Each structure stands twice: as C-alpha cells, then as structure tokens.
Protein backbone atom coordinates (compact mmCIF):
# COMPACT_ATOMS: atom_id res chain seq x y z
CA UNK A 1 0.00 0.00 0.00
CA UNK A 2 1.33 3.46 -0.95
CA UNK A 3 0.24 6.49 1.08
CA UNK A 4 1.29 9.85 -0.34
CA UNK A 5 0.78 13.55 0.20
CA UNK A 6 2.41 15.76 -2.42
CA UNK A 7 2.37 19.53 -2.87
CA UNK A 8 2.29 21.03 -6.37
CA UNK A 9 2.52 24.71 -7.24
CA UNK A 10 -0.12 26.29 -9.45
CA UNK A 11 1.09 28.51 -12.29
CA UNK A 12 0.56 32.24 -11.76
CA UNK A 13 -2.75 33.43 -13.18
CA UNK A 14 -4.32 29.96 -13.34
CA UNK A 15 -6.67 30.14 -10.31
CA UNK A 16 -9.79 30.35 -12.48
CA UNK A 17 -8.67 27.29 -14.44
CA UNK A 18 -8.07 25.47 -11.15
CA UNK A 19 -11.62 26.43 -10.12
CA UNK A 20 -12.87 24.90 -13.40
CA UNK A 21 -10.69 21.81 -12.92
CA UNK A 22 -11.91 21.08 -9.41
CA UNK A 23 -15.50 21.78 -10.46
CA UNK A 24 -15.03 19.39 -13.41
CA UNK A 25 -13.82 16.60 -11.11
CA UNK A 26 -16.67 17.14 -8.64
CA UNK A 27 -19.29 17.40 -11.40
CA UNK A 28 -18.09 14.16 -13.01
CA UNK A 29 -17.45 12.19 -9.83
CA UNK A 30 -19.21 9.04 -11.06
CA UNK A 31 -16.76 8.76 -13.97
CA UNK A 32 -13.83 9.84 -11.80
CA UNK A 33 -14.54 7.00 -9.38
CA UNK A 34 -14.62 4.50 -12.26
CA UNK A 35 -11.06 5.46 -13.22
CA UNK A 36 -9.72 4.82 -9.71
CA UNK A 37 -10.15 1.05 -9.96
CA UNK A 38 -7.53 0.63 -12.70
CA UNK A 39 -5.14 2.83 -10.73
CA UNK A 40 -5.73 0.70 -7.62
CA UNK A 41 -6.54 3.99 -5.93
CA UNK A 42 -8.45 3.47 -2.69
CA UNK A 43 -8.55 7.13 -1.64
CA UNK A 44 -7.61 10.28 -3.54
CA UNK A 45 -8.18 13.75 -2.17
CA UNK A 46 -7.13 17.16 -3.48
CA UNK A 47 -6.50 20.06 -1.10
CA UNK A 48 -5.96 23.69 -2.09
CA UNK A 49 -3.90 26.33 -0.28
CA UNK A 50 -2.98 29.99 -0.82
CA UNK A 51 0.19 31.16 0.97
CA UNK A 52 1.92 34.53 0.51
CA UNK A 53 0.41 35.07 -2.94
CA UNK A 54 1.24 31.55 -4.13
CA UNK A 55 -1.28 28.80 -4.80
CA UNK A 56 -0.71 25.12 -4.16
CA UNK A 57 -2.63 21.90 -4.70
CA UNK A 58 -1.96 18.89 -2.49
CA UNK A 59 -2.74 15.32 -3.56
CA UNK A 60 -3.37 12.82 -0.79
CA UNK A 61 -3.75 9.22 -1.87
CA UNK A 62 -3.85 5.67 -0.66
CA UNK A 63 -3.32 3.16 -3.42
CA UNK A 64 -2.39 -0.43 -3.93
CA UNK A 65 0.64 -1.81 -5.72
CA UNK A 66 0.76 -2.20 -9.49
CA UNK A 67 -2.02 0.15 -10.56
CA UNK A 68 -1.99 2.01 -13.85
CA UNK A 69 -0.67 5.56 -13.93
CA UNK A 70 -3.27 8.17 -14.86
CA UNK A 71 -1.20 8.90 -17.99
CA UNK A 72 -1.88 5.34 -19.19
CA UNK A 73 -5.65 5.73 -18.95
CA UNK A 74 -7.82 5.94 -22.06
CA UNK A 75 -10.85 7.21 -20.10
CA UNK A 76 -12.12 10.60 -21.25
CA UNK A 77 -12.22 12.02 -17.72
CA UNK A 78 -8.52 11.21 -17.18
CA UNK A 79 -7.60 12.77 -20.51
CA UNK A 80 -9.41 16.00 -19.55
CA UNK A 81 -7.85 15.86 -16.07
CA UNK A 82 -4.36 15.75 -17.66
CA UNK A 83 -5.19 18.74 -19.91
CA UNK A 84 -6.02 20.75 -16.78
CA UNK A 85 -2.86 19.42 -15.10
CA UNK A 86 -0.66 20.61 -17.96
CA UNK A 87 -2.39 23.99 -18.02
CA UNK A 88 -2.33 24.63 -14.27
CA UNK A 89 0.63 22.89 -12.60
CA UNK A 90 3.96 24.75 -12.54
CA UNK A 91 6.54 22.25 -13.78
CA UNK A 92 9.42 24.54 -12.75
CA UNK A 93 8.51 23.92 -9.08
CA UNK A 94 9.76 20.58 -7.75
CA UNK A 95 6.80 18.76 -6.16
CA UNK A 96 7.20 18.23 -2.44
CA UNK A 97 6.44 14.77 -1.06
CA UNK A 98 5.57 15.03 2.61
CA UNK A 99 6.90 12.23 4.82
CA UNK A 100 4.43 9.71 6.17
CA UNK A 101 4.95 9.37 9.92
CA UNK A 102 1.86 7.59 11.25
CA UNK A 103 -0.80 5.57 9.43
CA UNK A 104 -4.08 5.00 11.24
CA UNK A 105 -6.30 2.69 9.21
CA UNK A 106 -8.45 0.16 11.06
CA UNK A 107 -7.79 -3.46 10.10
CA UNK A 108 -11.26 -3.99 8.63
CA UNK A 109 -10.70 -1.00 6.29
CA UNK A 110 -7.24 -2.29 5.29
CA UNK A 111 -8.71 -5.70 4.54
CA UNK A 112 -11.49 -4.16 2.43
CA UNK A 113 -8.87 -2.22 0.45
CA UNK A 114 -6.86 -5.36 -0.27
CA UNK A 115 -9.97 -7.29 -1.36
CA UNK A 116 -10.66 -4.86 -4.24
C-alpha cells in the first residue's frame, strides 16, 4: 500500500482554471470514481492552499501496488484531467512529497482495500 501527500505549485494566473478543474472533477465524480479502480486507488483527495500570494494543490492518496498511472488511462475524464494538469501545474517547481509518519487505518478497512 502506498500512502502519499504531495504539494504542487499552481502557475501564476491559473486560479480560475483550477476552479474549473476542481469543479469538473466534482461534477463528473461518477466517472472519476470508475477510473480509480484501474489505478488501484483506494482514496484520492485534493486540497488547495494559498500562501503569501502563491497557490498550491496537495494530492493525498492511498493506493495499492501495481495500478496504472493516470497517464496510461484511455478514459475521457482522465484525458481532460491531464489537460487541466498541464495547463495549471507549474513544472518549474519541484513537487514536495511530505513524509508519512503515522498511518491509522483500522484493520477492517485495510482488509477491504486489499480485497478490491
């Protein structure tokens, strides 16, 4: 099981596109959830933060081993998601992976994750 929290910087002037992106994901959640199975993604959450005039998105995920990368997906919702990614994420900023220190997942939830 992989548990990650990564911070990405949003390009200057792209806040409205980020609004659209997050709205797109929420509005198409049924299709978004379908794509998670192939990725072996149990939980994926996006957080947003504004600090000192900079904007960041954080991806928190819990996923199993051996899932497909989103870039390998042929699903329309993933393709649109990657268009937003390319438009909004600042590739000159090195993403920051936060260190996992404590994992609190009850055994019955862990078992359910491994069964899928």
